[in-house]
Structure formats: C-alpha cells, structure tokens
Amino acid sequence: MYEQSRGNATYAEVEESEADLERFRGWLAKITKRDYFRADGGQVVRDAVAQAATELAAFEDAALRAEAPDLPLTTRAMPIRAVDGS
C-alpha cells in the first residue's frame, strides 16, 4: 500500500482506510442491486474490493507491529470481513 511504502503504517491510517473500504462496499452493494443486466465488469470490481480488503488486513498488521512491536501475533486485529459479508 502507498502509505506503508511511505512509512505511514499507523492505526489512524488503518481506520481511515477501513472507512473507505466500507464506503466502497456500500457503493458496490447499491450498484449490484441495480445491475439487472449483470455487467461484465461486476466481477472485476468485486475482485478488486476483495483484494483491497486483503491488502488492508496486511496494512493493519504492519501498523500494529509499528505501533506495538511487542504485541503477540495472536492478539492482533481480526481479519477484515469479505465482500460477501462473511
């Protein structure tokens, strides 16, 4: 992620990115409800949002390591939920 490469792996950045991801998920859900013709790009977008969630989880781990390096791995953040709500 861009912020991580700049050395900005902070939990504040994680929270901001989580809000963005939730906004994208909300937009995707609204668009999916209206996509009566199953547009070809729909799966591409769902895959991109899923990839963003995966990358955000890695970024969150990096931020936690940066801010609390002695925190055991098992007490770190829970995985970000998948696009399908699981």
PDB file of N, CA and C in Angstrom:
ATOM      1  N   MET A   1       0.831  -1.172   0.000  1.00  0.00           N
ATOM      2  CA  MET A   1       0.000   0.000   0.000  1.00  0.00           C
ATOM      3  C   MET A   1       0.879   1.240   0.000  1.00  0.00           C
ATOM      4  N   TYR A   2       0.331   2.288  -0.521  1.00  0.00           N
ATOM      5  CA  TYR A   2       1.068   3.540  -0.657  1.00  0.00           C
ATOM      6  C   TYR A   2       1.532   4.073   0.685  1.00  0.00           C
ATOM      7  N   GLU A   3       0.640   4.139   1.665  1.00  0.00           N
ATOM      8  CA  GLU A   3       1.010   4.681   2.970  1.00  0.00           C
ATOM      9  C   GLU A   3       2.095   3.838   3.633  1.00  0.00           C
ATOM     10  N   GLN A   4       2.014   2.547   3.464  1.00  0.00           N
ATOM     11  CA  GLN A   4       3.017   1.665   4.059  1.00  0.00           C
ATOM     12  C   GLN A   4       4.381   1.917   3.433  1.00  0.00           C
ATOM     13  N   SER A   5       4.430   2.109   2.120  1.00  0.00           N
ATOM     14  CA  SER A   5       5.703   2.353   1.448  1.00  0.00           C
ATOM     15  C   SER A   5       6.295   3.698   1.851  1.00  0.00           C
ATOM     16  N   ARG A   6       5.439   4.633   2.293  1.00  0.00           N
ATOM     17  CA  ARG A   6       5.901   5.947   2.756  1.00  0.00           C
ATOM     18  C   ARG A   6       6.259   5.929   4.232  1.00  0.00           C
ATOM     19  N   GLY A   7       6.090   4.786   4.886  1.00  0.00           N
ATOM     20  CA  GLY A   7       6.382   4.704   6.307  1.00  0.00           C
ATOM     21  C   GLY A   7       5.246   5.215   7.174  1.00  0.00           C
ATOM     22  N   ASN A   8       4.043   5.306   6.625  1.00  0.00           N
ATOM     23  CA  ASN A   8       2.882   5.801   7.370  1.00  0.00           C
ATOM     24  C   ASN A   8       1.979   4.659   7.828  1.00  0.00           C
ATOM     25  N   ALA A   9       2.564   3.593   8.289  1.00  0.00           N
ATOM     26  CA  ALA A   9       1.774   2.456   8.767  1.00  0.00           C
ATOM     27  C   ALA A   9       1.326   2.753  10.192  1.00  0.00           C
ATOM     28  N   THR A  10       0.284   3.565  10.314  1.00  0.00           N
ATOM     29  CA  THR A  10      -0.253   3.908  11.623  1.00  0.00           C
ATOM     30  C   THR A  10      -1.690   3.413  11.709  1.00  0.00           C
ATOM     31  N   TYR A  11      -2.150   3.254  12.946  1.00  0.00           N
ATOM     32  CA  TYR A  11      -3.516   2.772  13.106  1.00  0.00           C
ATOM     33  C   TYR A  11      -4.525   3.819  12.662  1.00  0.00           C
ATOM     34  N   ALA A  12      -4.178   5.096  12.736  1.00  0.00           N
ATOM     35  CA  ALA A  12      -5.071   6.144  12.230  1.00  0.00           C
ATOM     36  C   ALA A  12      -5.286   5.967  10.723  1.00  0.00           C
ATOM     37  N   GLU A  13      -4.225   5.630  10.015  1.00  0.00           N
ATOM     38  CA  GLU A  13      -4.346   5.379   8.569  1.00  0.00           C
ATOM     39  C   GLU A  13      -5.202   4.149   8.305  1.00  0.00           C
ATOM     40  N   VAL A  14      -5.057   3.126   9.151  1.00  0.00           N
ATOM     41  CA  VAL A  14      -5.873   1.914   9.014  1.00  0.00           C
ATOM     42  C   VAL A  14      -7.347   2.259   9.168  1.00  0.00           C
ATOM     43  N   GLU A  15      -7.680   3.033  10.200  1.00  0.00           N
ATOM     44  CA  GLU A  15      -9.076   3.398  10.424  1.00  0.00           C
ATOM     45  C   GLU A  15      -9.643   4.189   9.256  1.00  0.00           C
ATOM     46  N   GLU A  16      -8.858   5.092   8.704  1.00  0.00           N
ATOM     47  CA  GLU A  16      -9.300   5.873   7.542  1.00  0.00           C
ATOM     48  C   GLU A  16      -9.523   4.949   6.342  1.00  0.00           C
ATOM     49  N   SER A  17      -8.617   4.020   6.138  1.00  0.00           N
ATOM     50  CA  SER A  17      -8.749   3.082   5.022  1.00  0.00           C
ATOM     51  C   SER A  17      -9.924   2.137   5.213  1.00  0.00           C
ATOM     52  N   GLU A  18     -10.185   1.724   6.460  1.00  0.00           N
ATOM     53  CA  GLU A  18     -11.346   0.876   6.729  1.00  0.00           C
ATOM     54  C   GLU A  18     -12.642   1.613   6.385  1.00  0.00           C
ATOM     55  N   ALA A  19     -12.702   2.894   6.706  1.00  0.00           N
ATOM     56  CA  ALA A  19     -13.887   3.695   6.374  1.00  0.00           C
ATOM     57  C   ALA A  19     -14.063   3.771   4.858  1.00  0.00           C
ATOM     58  N   ASP A  20     -12.952   3.960   4.153  1.00  0.00           N
ATOM     59  CA  ASP A  20     -13.015   3.988   2.683  1.00  0.00           C
ATOM     60  C   ASP A  20     -13.503   2.657   2.131  1.00  0.00           C
ATOM     61  N   LEU A  21     -12.971   1.561   2.663  1.00  0.00           N
ATOM     62  CA  LEU A  21     -13.368   0.233   2.192  1.00  0.00           C
ATOM     63  C   LEU A  21     -14.861  -0.003   2.433  1.00  0.00           C
ATOM     64  N   GLU A  22     -15.354   0.395   3.591  1.00  0.00           N
ATOM     65  CA  GLU A  22     -16.778   0.233   3.879  1.00  0.00           C
ATOM     66  C   GLU A  22     -17.625   1.076   2.921  1.00  0.00           C
ATOM     67  N   ARG A  23     -17.145   2.261   2.590  1.00  0.00           N
ATOM     68  CA  ARG A  23     -17.848   3.104   1.624  1.00  0.00           C
ATOM     69  C   ARG A  23     -17.899   2.416   0.262  1.00  0.00           C
ATOM     70  N   PHE A  24     -16.778   1.833  -0.168  1.00  0.00           N
ATOM     71  CA  PHE A  24     -16.741   1.103  -1.447  1.00  0.00           C
ATOM     72  C   PHE A  24     -17.699  -0.082  -1.418  1.00  0.00           C
ATOM     73  N   ARG A  25     -17.725  -0.793  -0.308  1.00  0.00           N
ATOM     74  CA  ARG A  25     -18.636  -1.931  -0.187  1.00  0.00           C
ATOM     75  C   ARG A  25     -20.094  -1.477  -0.272  1.00  0.00           C
ATOM     76  N   GLY A  26     -20.389  -0.356   0.339  1.00  0.00           N
ATOM     77  CA  GLY A  26     -21.748   0.179   0.273  1.00  0.00           C
ATOM     78  C   GLY A  26     -22.135   0.553  -1.149  1.00  0.00           C
ATOM     79  N   TRP A  27     -21.231   1.224  -1.848  1.00  0.00           N
ATOM     80  CA  TRP A  27     -21.498   1.579  -3.237  1.00  0.00           C
ATOM     81  C   TRP A  27     -21.668   0.323  -4.087  1.00  0.00           C
ATOM     82  N   LEU A  28     -20.803  -0.651  -3.880  1.00  0.00           N
ATOM     83  CA  LEU A  28     -20.881  -1.894  -4.646  1.00  0.00           C
ATOM     84  C   LEU A  28     -22.213  -2.602  -4.408  1.00  0.00           C
ATOM     85  N   ALA A  29     -22.670  -2.623  -3.173  1.00  0.00           N
ATOM     86  CA  ALA A  29     -23.951  -3.263  -2.865  1.00  0.00           C
ATOM     87  C   ALA A  29     -25.098  -2.548  -3.580  1.00  0.00           C
ATOM     88  N   LYS A  30     -25.076  -1.223  -3.563  1.00  0.00           N
ATOM     89  CA  LYS A  30     -26.130  -0.452  -4.239  1.00  0.00           C
ATOM     90  C   LYS A  30     -26.106  -0.682  -5.748  1.00  0.00           C
ATOM     91  N   ILE A  31     -24.911  -0.695  -6.308  1.00  0.00           N
ATOM     92  CA  ILE A  31     -24.776  -0.912  -7.754  1.00  0.00           C
ATOM     93  C   ILE A  31     -25.223  -2.316  -8.126  1.00  0.00           C
ATOM     94  N   THR A  32     -24.836  -3.294  -7.316  1.00  0.00           N
ATOM     95  CA  THR A  32     -25.201  -4.683  -7.590  1.00  0.00           C
ATOM     96  C   THR A  32     -26.719  -4.857  -7.598  1.00  0.00           C
ATOM     97  N   LYS A  33     -27.412  -4.185  -6.686  1.00  0.00           N
ATOM     98  CA  LYS A  33     -28.878  -4.266  -6.654  1.00  0.00           C
ATOM     99  C   LYS A  33     -29.507  -3.741  -7.944  1.00  0.00           C
ATOM    100  N   ARG A  34     -28.856  -2.762  -8.561  1.00  0.00           N
ATOM    101  CA  ARG A  34     -29.404  -2.142  -9.771  1.00  0.00           C
ATOM    102  C   ARG A  34     -28.864  -2.745 -11.058  1.00  0.00           C
ATOM    103  N   ASP A  35     -27.938  -3.667 -10.945  1.00  0.00           N
ATOM    104  CA  ASP A  35     -27.285  -4.247 -12.129  1.00  0.00           C
ATOM    105  C   ASP A  35     -28.129  -5.392 -12.690  1.00  0.00           C
ATOM    106  N   TYR A  36     -29.232  -5.039 -13.301  1.00  0.00           N
ATOM    107  CA  TYR A  36     -30.161  -6.031 -13.836  1.00  0.00           C
ATOM    108  C   TYR A  36     -29.571  -6.848 -14.974  1.00  0.00           C
ATOM    109  N   PHE A  37     -28.589  -6.297 -15.668  1.00  0.00           N
ATOM    110  CA  PHE A  37     -28.018  -6.958 -16.839  1.00  0.00           C
ATOM    111  C   PHE A  37     -26.692  -7.653 -16.551  1.00  0.00           C
ATOM    112  N   ARG A  38     -26.285  -7.660 -15.285  1.00  0.00           N
ATOM    113  CA  ARG A  38     -25.036  -8.319 -14.873  1.00  0.00           C
ATOM    114  C   ARG A  38     -23.857  -7.869 -15.743  1.00  0.00           C
ATOM    115  N   ALA A  39     -23.518  -6.620 -15.615  1.00  0.00           N
ATOM    116  CA  ALA A  39     -22.436  -6.015 -16.396  1.00  0.00           C
ATOM    117  C   ALA A  39     -21.155  -6.833 -16.280  1.00  0.00           C
ATOM    118  N   ASP A  40     -20.418  -6.892 -17.381  1.00  0.00           N
ATOM    119  CA  ASP A  40     -19.186  -7.679 -17.438  1.00  0.00           C
ATOM    120  C   ASP A  40     -18.161  -7.259 -16.383  1.00  0.00           C
ATOM    121  N   GLY A  41     -18.119  -5.990 -16.030  1.00  0.00           N
ATOM    122  CA  GLY A  41     -17.118  -5.504 -15.083  1.00  0.00           C
ATOM    123  C   GLY A  41     -17.443  -5.780 -13.631  1.00  0.00           C
ATOM    124  N   GLY A  42     -18.611  -6.317 -13.351  1.00  0.00           N
ATOM    125  CA  GLY A  42     -19.013  -6.540 -11.965  1.00  0.00           C
ATOM    126  C   GLY A  42     -18.066  -7.434 -11.195  1.00  0.00           C
ATOM    127  N   GLN A  43     -17.677  -8.538 -11.787  1.00  0.00           N
ATOM    128  CA  GLN A  43     -16.770  -9.461 -11.087  1.00  0.00           C
ATOM    129  C   GLN A  43     -15.399  -8.832 -10.894  1.00  0.00           C
ATOM    130  N   VAL A  44     -14.965  -8.063 -11.855  1.00  0.00           N
ATOM    131  CA  VAL A  44     -13.674  -7.379 -11.730  1.00  0.00           C
ATOM    132  C   VAL A  44     -13.693  -6.456 -10.508  1.00  0.00           C
ATOM    133  N   VAL A  45     -14.793  -5.739 -10.347  1.00  0.00           N
ATOM    134  CA  VAL A  45     -14.912  -4.828  -9.215  1.00  0.00           C
ATOM    135  C   VAL A  45     -14.989  -5.595  -7.904  1.00  0.00           C
ATOM    136  N   ARG A  46     -15.786  -6.663  -7.853  1.00  0.00           N
ATOM    137  CA  ARG A  46     -15.860  -7.473  -6.624  1.00  0.00           C
ATOM    138  C   ARG A  46     -14.486  -8.031  -6.257  1.00  0.00           C
ATOM    139  N   ASP A  47     -13.749  -8.480  -7.259  1.00  0.00           N
ATOM    140  CA  ASP A  47     -12.395  -8.991  -7.006  1.00  0.00           C
ATOM    141  C   ASP A  47     -11.473  -7.883  -6.493  1.00  0.00           C
ATOM    142  N   ALA A  48     -11.604  -6.686  -7.051  1.00  0.00           N
ATOM    143  CA  ALA A  48     -10.765  -5.564  -6.627  1.00  0.00           C
ATOM    144  C   ALA A  48     -11.065  -5.180  -5.177  1.00  0.00           C
ATOM    145  N   VAL A  49     -12.332  -5.174  -4.799  1.00  0.00           N
ATOM    146  CA  VAL A  49     -12.691  -4.850  -3.419  1.00  0.00           C
ATOM    147  C   VAL A  49     -12.193  -5.943  -2.469  1.00  0.00           C
ATOM    148  N   ALA A  50     -12.285  -7.191  -2.884  1.00  0.00           N
ATOM    149  CA  ALA A  50     -11.760  -8.289  -2.068  1.00  0.00           C
ATOM    150  C   ALA A  50     -10.246  -8.161  -1.903  1.00  0.00           C
ATOM    151  N   GLN A  51      -9.561  -7.801  -2.978  1.00  0.00           N
ATOM    152  CA  GLN A  51      -8.105  -7.600  -2.911  1.00  0.00           C
ATOM    153  C   GLN A  51      -7.765  -6.435  -1.988  1.00  0.00           C
ATOM    154  N   ALA A  52      -8.555  -5.383  -2.056  1.00  0.00           N
ATOM    155  CA  ALA A  52      -8.339  -4.233  -1.172  1.00  0.00           C
ATOM    156  C   ALA A  52      -8.485  -4.642   0.289  1.00  0.00           C
ATOM    157  N   ALA A  53      -9.470  -5.489   0.586  1.00  0.00           N
ATOM    158  CA  ALA A  53      -9.661  -5.965   1.957  1.00  0.00           C
ATOM    159  C   ALA A  53      -8.469  -6.790   2.417  1.00  0.00           C
ATOM    160  N   THR A  54      -7.943  -7.627   1.539  1.00  0.00           N
ATOM    161  CA  THR A  54      -6.769  -8.436   1.867  1.00  0.00           C
ATOM    162  C   THR A  54      -5.558  -7.546   2.142  1.00  0.00           C
ATOM    163  N   GLU A  55      -5.355  -6.555   1.286  1.00  0.00           N
ATOM    164  CA  GLU A  55      -4.224  -5.642   1.469  1.00  0.00           C
ATOM    165  C   GLU A  55      -4.394  -4.785   2.713  1.00  0.00           C
ATOM    166  N   LEU A  56      -5.629  -4.394   3.014  1.00  0.00           N
ATOM    167  CA  LEU A  56      -5.870  -3.610   4.223  1.00  0.00           C
ATOM    168  C   LEU A  56      -5.564  -4.430   5.468  1.00  0.00           C
ATOM    169  N   ALA A  57      -5.901  -5.708   5.459  1.00  0.00           N
ATOM    170  CA  ALA A  57      -5.584  -6.573   6.603  1.00  0.00           C
ATOM    171  C   ALA A  57      -4.069  -6.639   6.819  1.00  0.00           C
ATOM    172  N   ALA A  58      -3.299  -6.738   5.739  1.00  0.00           N
ATOM    173  CA  ALA A  58      -1.837  -6.757   5.847  1.00  0.00           C
ATOM    174  C   ALA A  58      -1.318  -5.409   6.350  1.00  0.00           C
ATOM    175  N   PHE A  59      -1.924  -4.331   5.869  1.00  0.00           N
ATOM    176  CA  PHE A  59      -1.534  -2.987   6.302  1.00  0.00           C
ATOM    177  C   PHE A  59      -1.839  -2.797   7.785  1.00  0.00           C
ATOM    178  N   GLU A  60      -2.990  -3.320   8.220  1.00  0.00           N
ATOM    179  CA  GLU A  60      -3.356  -3.223   9.625  1.00  0.00           C
ATOM    180  C   GLU A  60      -2.342  -3.961  10.493  1.00  0.00           C
ATOM    181  N   ASP A  61      -1.915  -5.124  10.046  1.00  0.00           N
ATOM    182  CA  ASP A  61      -0.913  -5.874  10.792  1.00  0.00           C
ATOM    183  C   ASP A  61       0.395  -5.091  10.875  1.00  0.00           C
ATOM    184  N   ALA A  62       0.800  -4.480   9.757  1.00  0.00           N
ATOM    185  CA  ALA A  62       2.031  -3.683   9.744  1.00  0.00           C
ATOM    186  C   ALA A  62       1.912  -2.486  10.684  1.00  0.00           C
ATOM    187  N   ALA A  63       0.744  -1.849  10.702  1.00  0.00           N
ATOM    188  CA  ALA A  63       0.541  -0.704  11.587  1.00  0.00           C
ATOM    189  C   ALA A  63       0.609  -1.123  13.045  1.00  0.00           C
ATOM    190  N   LEU A  64      -0.007  -2.255  13.360  1.00  0.00           N
ATOM    191  CA  LEU A  64       0.043  -2.739  14.737  1.00  0.00           C
ATOM    192  C   LEU A  64       1.468  -3.101  15.145  1.00  0.00           C
ATOM    193  N   ARG A  65       2.204  -3.721  14.222  1.00  0.00           N
ATOM    194  CA  ARG A  65       3.612  -4.049  14.515  1.00  0.00           C
ATOM    195  C   ARG A  65       4.424  -2.783  14.728  1.00  0.00           C
ATOM    196  N   ALA A  66       4.130  -1.739  13.945  1.00  0.00           N
ATOM    197  CA  ALA A  66       4.876  -0.482  14.069  1.00  0.00           C
ATOM    198  C   ALA A  66       4.558   0.227  15.382  1.00  0.00           C
ATOM    199  N   GLU A  67       3.288   0.177  15.792  1.00  0.00           N
ATOM    200  CA  GLU A  67       2.880   0.906  16.992  1.00  0.00           C
ATOM    201  C   GLU A  67       3.013   0.085  18.271  1.00  0.00           C
ATOM    202  N   ALA A  68       2.983  -1.244  18.156  1.00  0.00           N
ATOM    203  CA  ALA A  68       3.094  -2.117  19.335  1.00  0.00           C
ATOM    204  C   ALA A  68       3.902  -3.350  18.946  1.00  0.00           C
ATOM    205  N   PRO A  69       5.206  -3.187  18.735  1.00  0.00           N
ATOM    206  CA  PRO A  69       6.027  -4.299  18.236  1.00  0.00           C
ATOM    207  C   PRO A  69       6.082  -5.506  19.167  1.00  0.00           C
ATOM    208  N   ASP A  70       5.815  -5.321  20.448  1.00  0.00           N
ATOM    209  CA  ASP A  70       5.880  -6.437  21.392  1.00  0.00           C
ATOM    210  C   ASP A  70       4.560  -7.177  21.539  1.00  0.00           C
ATOM    211  N   LEU A  71       3.515  -6.720  20.852  1.00  0.00           N
ATOM    212  CA  LEU A  71       2.209  -7.347  20.928  1.00  0.00           C
ATOM    213  C   LEU A  71       2.270  -8.720  20.271  1.00  0.00           C
ATOM    214  N   PRO A  72       1.833  -9.781  20.975  1.00  0.00           N
ATOM    215  CA  PRO A  72       1.857 -11.117  20.360  1.00  0.00           C
ATOM    216  C   PRO A  72       0.963 -11.172  19.127  1.00  0.00           C
ATOM    217  N   LEU A  73       1.363 -11.941  18.157  1.00  0.00           N
ATOM    218  CA  LEU A  73       0.630 -12.057  16.896  1.00  0.00           C
ATOM    219  C   LEU A  73      -0.817 -12.478  17.128  1.00  0.00           C
ATOM    220  N   THR A  74      -1.079 -13.343  18.099  1.00  0.00           N
ATOM    221  CA  THR A  74      -2.440 -13.851  18.320  1.00  0.00           C
ATOM    222  C   THR A  74      -3.390 -12.795  18.845  1.00  0.00           C
ATOM    223  N   THR A  75      -2.893 -11.680  19.371  1.00  0.00           N
ATOM    224  CA  THR A  75      -3.780 -10.641  19.884  1.00  0.00           C
ATOM    225  C   THR A  75      -3.955  -9.498  18.899  1.00  0.00           C
ATOM    226  N   ARG A  76      -3.396  -9.627  17.740  1.00  0.00           N
ATOM    227  CA  ARG A  76      -3.547  -8.583  16.729  1.00  0.00           C
ATOM    228  C   ARG A  76      -4.934  -8.600  16.129  1.00  0.00           C
ATOM    229  N   ALA A  77      -5.168  -7.691  15.235  1.00  0.00           N
ATOM    230  CA  ALA A  77      -6.504  -7.455  14.675  1.00  0.00           C
ATOM    231  C   ALA A  77      -7.115  -8.690  14.034  1.00  0.00           C
ATOM    232  N   MET A  78      -8.432  -8.719  14.076  1.00  0.00           N
ATOM    233  CA  MET A  78      -9.188  -9.759  13.393  1.00  0.00           C
ATOM    234  C   MET A  78      -9.194  -9.445  11.907  1.00  0.00           C
ATOM    235  N   PRO A  79      -9.333 -10.459  11.048  1.00  0.00           N
ATOM    236  CA  PRO A  79      -9.363 -10.207   9.615  1.00  0.00           C
ATOM    237  C   PRO A  79     -10.531  -9.304   9.222  1.00  0.00           C
ATOM    238  N   ILE A  80     -10.328  -8.499   8.213  1.00  0.00           N
ATOM    239  CA  ILE A  80     -11.378  -7.632   7.667  1.00  0.00           C
ATOM    240  C   ILE A  80     -12.374  -8.525   6.952  1.00  0.00           C
ATOM    241  N   ARG A  81     -13.676  -8.294   7.149  1.00  0.00           N
ATOM    242  CA  ARG A  81     -14.684  -9.177   6.555  1.00  0.00           C
ATOM    243  C   ARG A  81     -14.645  -9.149   5.028  1.00  0.00           C
ATOM    244  N   ALA A  82     -15.046 -10.230   4.441  1.00  0.00           N
ATOM    245  CA  ALA A  82     -15.059 -10.364   2.993  1.00  0.00           C
ATOM    246  C   ALA A  82     -16.181  -9.530   2.387  1.00  0.00           C
ATOM    247  N   VAL A  83     -16.133  -9.338   1.089  1.00  0.00           N
ATOM    248  CA  VAL A  83     -17.132  -8.549   0.381  1.00  0.00           C
ATOM    249  C   VAL A  83     -18.523  -9.134   0.520  1.00  0.00           C
ATOM    250  N   ASP A  84     -18.626 -10.457   0.573  1.00  0.00           N
ATOM    251  CA  ASP A  84     -19.939 -11.100   0.647  1.00  0.00           C
ATOM    252  C   ASP A  84     -20.539 -11.057   2.049  1.00  0.00           C
ATOM    253  N   GLY A  85     -19.856 -10.367   2.987  1.00  0.00           N
ATOM    254  CA  GLY A  85     -20.386 -10.208   4.329  1.00  0.00           C
ATOM    255  C   GLY A  85     -19.916 -11.244   5.313  1.00  0.00           C
ATOM    256  N   SER A  86     -19.076 -12.185   4.881  1.00  0.00           N
ATOM    257  CA  SER A  86     -18.600 -13.229   5.798  1.00  0.00           C
ATOM    258  C   SER A  86     -17.370 -12.787   6.557  1.00  0.00           C
TER     259      SER A  86
END
